[in-house]
């Protein structure tokens, strides 16, 4: 008798949970584990900011000239000490203008061009999903130079107009906290000082 009551209670508990929606579906696994790169990804760039650190993988198969250009700048310590010169909530966070080290030049931040990459390496594989890293430009994608951005949400309207050369793989919560004029402490290629 006790066994029958126990079994009935267990069945009622299970049925009640199922009816009330308390059963949880299996959690969706992220496409890439934090800090791990996706298939086909190249070097990982580590961006240390005053708000914390984030990392993004690069796509040398789809954007070889762009990735090589950015890695060369990183190795020259070009981005160290710069400030974020553009943050549009729900859209992008952008940096890469060397003038941002000088607060007296704030009105010119984001307006001075550097050495252009000379190629617009668009890819249908790499789109403007949340965390995409792309090259900023003033109307000509092949004239993109040193400034890049991270998308703060999915922005498909940018596809085919701006080159995506990477994606954040860890620290997206840091990217979302960054504000205008926050400092980029140091940018490195993972595994290199």
Protein backbone atom coordinates (compact mmCIF):
# COMPACT_ATOMS: atom_id res chain seq x y z
CA UNK A 1 0.00 0.00 0.00
CA UNK A 2 2.78 2.43 0.94
CA UNK A 3 4.60 1.69 -2.30
CA UNK A 4 1.43 2.39 -4.31
CA UNK A 5 0.92 5.74 -2.53
CA UNK A 6 4.56 6.69 -3.06
CA UNK A 7 4.38 5.85 -6.76
CA UNK A 8 1.13 7.83 -7.11
CA UNK A 9 2.66 10.83 -5.33
CA UNK A 10 5.75 10.73 -7.55
CA UNK A 11 3.61 10.49 -10.68
CA UNK A 12 1.42 13.39 -9.53
CA UNK A 13 4.50 15.51 -8.76
CA UNK A 14 5.98 14.78 -12.17
CA UNK A 15 2.69 15.47 -13.95
CA UNK A 16 2.19 18.71 -11.99
CA UNK A 17 5.64 19.94 -12.93
CA UNK A 18 5.08 19.08 -16.58
CA UNK A 19 1.67 20.82 -16.65
CA UNK A 20 2.94 23.95 -14.89
CA UNK A 21 5.86 24.23 -17.31
CA UNK A 22 8.50 23.67 -14.65
CA UNK A 23 10.38 21.13 -16.71
CA UNK A 24 13.33 22.82 -18.29
CA UNK A 25 14.36 22.14 -21.86
CA UNK A 26 18.03 21.42 -22.34
CA UNK A 27 20.05 24.65 -22.41
CA UNK A 28 21.29 25.69 -25.83
CA UNK A 29 25.03 25.44 -26.14
CA UNK A 30 26.84 28.52 -27.47
CA UNK A 31 28.37 28.11 -30.93
CA UNK A 32 31.78 28.91 -29.45
CA UNK A 33 32.79 28.42 -25.83
CA UNK A 34 34.08 31.60 -24.20
CA UNK A 35 37.75 32.02 -25.03
CA UNK A 36 37.67 29.27 -27.70
CA UNK A 37 37.85 30.01 -31.39
CA UNK A 38 35.49 28.74 -34.06
CA UNK A 39 36.62 26.56 -37.00
CA UNK A 40 38.58 28.57 -39.55
CA UNK A 41 39.46 31.34 -37.11
CA UNK A 42 42.94 32.85 -36.99
CA UNK A 43 44.89 34.74 -34.32
CA UNK A 44 43.01 36.01 -31.26
CA UNK A 45 43.37 39.66 -30.32
CA UNK A 46 43.19 40.59 -26.63
CA UNK A 47 41.91 44.08 -25.79
CA UNK A 48 42.55 45.27 -22.23
CA UNK A 49 40.42 48.28 -21.30
CA UNK A 50 39.91 50.20 -18.10
CA UNK A 51 36.55 48.35 -17.79
CA UNK A 52 38.05 44.88 -18.26
CA UNK A 53 39.33 42.61 -21.04
CA UNK A 54 37.69 41.16 -24.12
CA UNK A 55 39.05 38.90 -26.85
CA UNK A 56 38.10 38.47 -30.47
CA UNK A 57 39.01 35.86 -33.04
CA UNK A 58 40.05 36.94 -36.54
CA UNK A 59 39.13 35.58 -39.98
CA UNK A 60 42.26 35.54 -42.18
CA UNK A 61 40.62 33.16 -44.69
CA UNK A 62 37.88 35.67 -45.50
CA UNK A 63 39.73 38.95 -44.85
CA UNK A 64 43.48 38.25 -45.15
CA UNK A 65 44.67 41.81 -45.88
CA UNK A 66 42.48 43.27 -43.13
CA UNK A 67 43.60 40.77 -40.50
CA UNK A 68 47.29 41.18 -41.45
CA UNK A 69 46.93 44.98 -41.31
CA UNK A 70 45.32 44.97 -37.85
CA UNK A 71 47.79 42.44 -36.44
CA UNK A 72 50.68 44.54 -37.72
CA UNK A 73 49.22 47.60 -35.94
CA UNK A 74 48.69 45.59 -32.75
CA UNK A 75 52.29 44.37 -32.80
CA UNK A 76 53.46 47.99 -33.19
CA UNK A 77 51.37 48.84 -30.08
CA UNK A 78 49.37 51.32 -32.14
CA UNK A 79 46.16 50.91 -30.08
CA UNK A 80 47.76 51.09 -26.62
CA UNK A 81 46.59 54.15 -24.67
CA UNK A 82 43.90 55.19 -27.15
CA UNK A 83 40.36 56.07 -26.11
CA UNK A 84 37.02 54.85 -27.37
CA UNK A 85 35.70 57.63 -29.59
CA UNK A 86 32.27 56.27 -30.49
CA UNK A 87 29.62 54.39 -28.55
CA UNK A 88 26.07 54.10 -29.84
CA UNK A 89 24.00 51.93 -27.45
CA UNK A 90 22.55 48.89 -29.20
CA UNK A 91 24.72 49.57 -32.26
CA UNK A 92 28.53 49.86 -32.00
CA UNK A 93 31.56 50.65 -29.85
CA UNK A 94 34.49 52.00 -31.90
CA UNK A 95 38.14 52.92 -31.44
CA UNK A 96 41.38 53.12 -33.41
CA UNK A 97 42.09 56.84 -33.90
CA UNK A 98 45.56 57.69 -32.56
CA UNK A 99 44.41 61.28 -31.84
CA UNK A 100 42.30 59.97 -28.96
CA UNK A 101 45.38 59.88 -26.75
CA UNK A 102 45.15 63.70 -26.68
CA UNK A 103 42.05 65.09 -24.94
CA UNK A 104 42.70 68.53 -26.49
CA UNK A 105 41.96 67.02 -29.94
CA UNK A 106 38.61 65.53 -28.88
CA UNK A 107 36.65 67.42 -31.55
CA UNK A 108 38.70 65.66 -34.23
CA UNK A 109 38.44 62.13 -32.81
CA UNK A 110 37.44 59.63 -35.48
CA UNK A 111 38.07 62.03 -38.37
CA UNK A 112 41.71 61.52 -39.31
CA UNK A 113 42.49 58.70 -41.74
CA UNK A 114 45.50 56.45 -41.47
CA UNK A 115 47.09 54.13 -44.04
CA UNK A 116 44.24 52.44 -45.95
CA UNK A 117 44.03 48.66 -46.25
CA UNK A 118 43.16 48.98 -49.94
CA UNK A 119 40.72 46.07 -50.05
CA UNK A 120 37.05 45.53 -49.24
CA UNK A 121 37.03 41.88 -48.19
CA UNK A 122 33.30 41.20 -47.82
CA UNK A 123 32.19 37.68 -46.91
CA UNK A 124 28.75 36.09 -46.73
CA UNK A 125 30.16 33.80 -44.02
CA UNK A 126 30.97 36.67 -41.65
CA UNK A 127 28.05 38.92 -40.88
CA UNK A 128 27.15 41.64 -38.39
CA UNK A 129 25.89 39.52 -35.52
CA UNK A 130 26.26 40.77 -31.95
CA UNK A 131 29.99 40.89 -31.18
CA UNK A 132 31.13 41.15 -34.80
CA UNK A 133 34.33 43.15 -35.29
CA UNK A 134 34.39 45.24 -38.46
CA UNK A 135 36.34 47.98 -40.16
CA UNK A 136 34.99 51.53 -39.97
CA UNK A 137 35.20 53.80 -43.02
CA UNK A 138 33.75 57.00 -44.46
CA UNK A 139 31.96 55.60 -47.49
CA UNK A 140 34.65 53.51 -49.18
CA UNK A 141 35.28 50.12 -47.60
CA UNK A 142 38.68 49.73 -49.30
CA UNK A 143 39.80 52.99 -47.63
CA UNK A 144 39.27 51.57 -44.11
CA UNK A 145 42.42 52.09 -42.08
CA UNK A 146 42.95 51.73 -38.33
CA UNK A 147 39.51 52.22 -36.82
CA UNK A 148 37.31 49.25 -36.06
CA UNK A 149 34.12 48.60 -34.15
CA UNK A 150 32.30 45.88 -32.22
CA UNK A 151 28.57 45.50 -32.84
CA UNK A 152 26.49 45.64 -29.66
CA UNK A 153 23.57 43.76 -31.25
CA UNK A 154 22.79 42.07 -34.57
CA UNK A 155 23.05 44.74 -37.30
CA UNK A 156 22.37 42.99 -40.65
CA UNK A 157 21.98 46.30 -42.51
CA UNK A 158 25.79 46.68 -42.35
CA UNK A 159 26.42 43.41 -44.22
CA UNK A 160 28.07 43.98 -47.59
CA UNK A 161 29.02 47.54 -46.67
CA UNK A 162 31.57 47.04 -43.90
CA UNK A 163 34.18 44.27 -43.66
CA UNK A 164 33.75 41.86 -40.74
CA UNK A 165 37.18 40.49 -39.84
CA UNK A 166 36.52 39.08 -36.38
CA UNK A 167 34.10 38.28 -33.57
CA UNK A 168 34.22 38.63 -29.79
CA UNK A 169 34.73 35.23 -28.15
CA UNK A 170 35.04 36.35 -24.52
CA UNK A 171 34.29 39.49 -22.52
CA UNK A 172 31.21 40.71 -24.41
CA UNK A 173 29.91 41.89 -21.04
CA UNK A 174 32.97 44.19 -20.90
CA UNK A 175 32.29 45.56 -24.38
CA UNK A 176 28.74 46.40 -23.31
CA UNK A 177 30.05 48.41 -20.32
CA UNK A 178 32.49 50.54 -22.32
CA UNK A 179 31.61 54.21 -22.67
CA UNK A 180 32.83 57.15 -24.72
CA UNK A 181 36.41 58.20 -23.80
CA UNK A 182 37.15 54.99 -21.88
CA UNK A 183 40.81 54.08 -22.29
CA UNK A 184 42.23 51.11 -24.18
CA UNK A 185 45.09 50.05 -21.93
CA UNK A 186 46.75 47.49 -24.19
CA UNK A 187 46.00 45.39 -27.26
CA UNK A 188 47.99 42.21 -27.96
CA UNK A 189 47.83 39.05 -30.02
CA UNK A 190 47.14 36.10 -27.70
CA UNK A 191 50.37 34.35 -26.83
CA UNK A 192 52.55 37.36 -27.65
CA UNK A 193 53.63 40.12 -25.27
